[in-house]
């Protein structure tokens, strides 16, 4: 399909969710939601395709 772009955004665990879900993600470095949102914006608004955006 022309014009179809597929990307993956991989933010890991969101910092603001650590209070509730932290015990399930021991050893993971939390990422602020605002930083994860930038990764999604880059994926949707950018021209890249076939990319994995790892949010660290």
Protein backbone atom coordinates (compact mmCIF):
# COMPACT_ATOMS: atom_id res chain seq x y z
CA UNK A 1 0.00 0.00 0.00
CA UNK A 2 1.39 3.34 -0.95
CA UNK A 3 1.70 5.88 1.81
CA UNK A 4 1.52 3.27 4.57
CA UNK A 5 4.15 3.72 7.26
CA UNK A 6 4.71 1.33 10.14
CA UNK A 7 6.84 2.20 13.16
CA UNK A 8 7.19 0.90 16.70
CA UNK A 9 7.51 3.10 19.79
CA UNK A 10 9.03 1.34 22.79
CA UNK A 11 8.97 3.56 25.90
CA UNK A 12 9.26 0.90 28.58
CA UNK A 13 7.53 1.67 31.88
CA UNK A 14 6.11 5.16 32.34
CA UNK A 15 7.46 7.04 35.36
CA UNK A 16 4.04 8.28 36.46
CA UNK A 17 2.76 4.68 36.61
CA UNK A 18 5.55 3.39 38.86
CA UNK A 19 3.60 3.92 42.07
CA UNK A 20 1.01 1.38 40.94
CA UNK A 21 2.98 -0.90 38.60
CA UNK A 22 6.52 -0.52 39.96
CA UNK A 23 6.58 -3.94 41.65
CA UNK A 24 6.04 -5.57 38.23
CA UNK A 25 8.91 -3.64 36.63
CA UNK A 26 11.78 -4.04 39.09
CA UNK A 27 15.10 -3.18 37.46
CA UNK A 28 13.50 -1.08 34.71
CA UNK A 29 14.38 2.58 34.27
CA UNK A 30 11.14 4.58 34.18
CA UNK A 31 10.59 7.12 31.41
CA UNK A 32 8.61 10.36 31.92
CA UNK A 33 5.30 10.34 30.01
CA UNK A 34 6.26 13.60 28.28
CA UNK A 35 9.39 11.96 26.80
CA UNK A 36 7.36 8.94 25.64
CA UNK A 37 4.84 11.30 24.01
CA UNK A 38 7.66 12.90 22.01
CA UNK A 39 8.57 9.47 20.66
CA UNK A 40 5.00 8.86 19.52
CA UNK A 41 4.87 12.31 17.91
CA UNK A 42 8.13 11.59 16.07
CA UNK A 43 6.70 8.30 14.81
CA UNK A 44 3.38 9.75 13.66
CA UNK A 45 4.50 13.12 12.33
CA UNK A 46 7.88 12.13 10.91
CA UNK A 47 8.65 10.60 7.54
CA UNK A 48 10.44 7.50 8.83
CA UNK A 49 9.03 4.04 8.28
CA UNK A 50 10.10 0.62 9.50
CA UNK A 51 11.74 2.15 12.58
CA UNK A 52 11.78 1.23 16.25
CA UNK A 53 11.87 4.31 18.45
CA UNK A 54 13.31 3.25 21.81
CA UNK A 55 12.54 5.81 24.48
CA UNK A 56 15.23 5.68 27.17
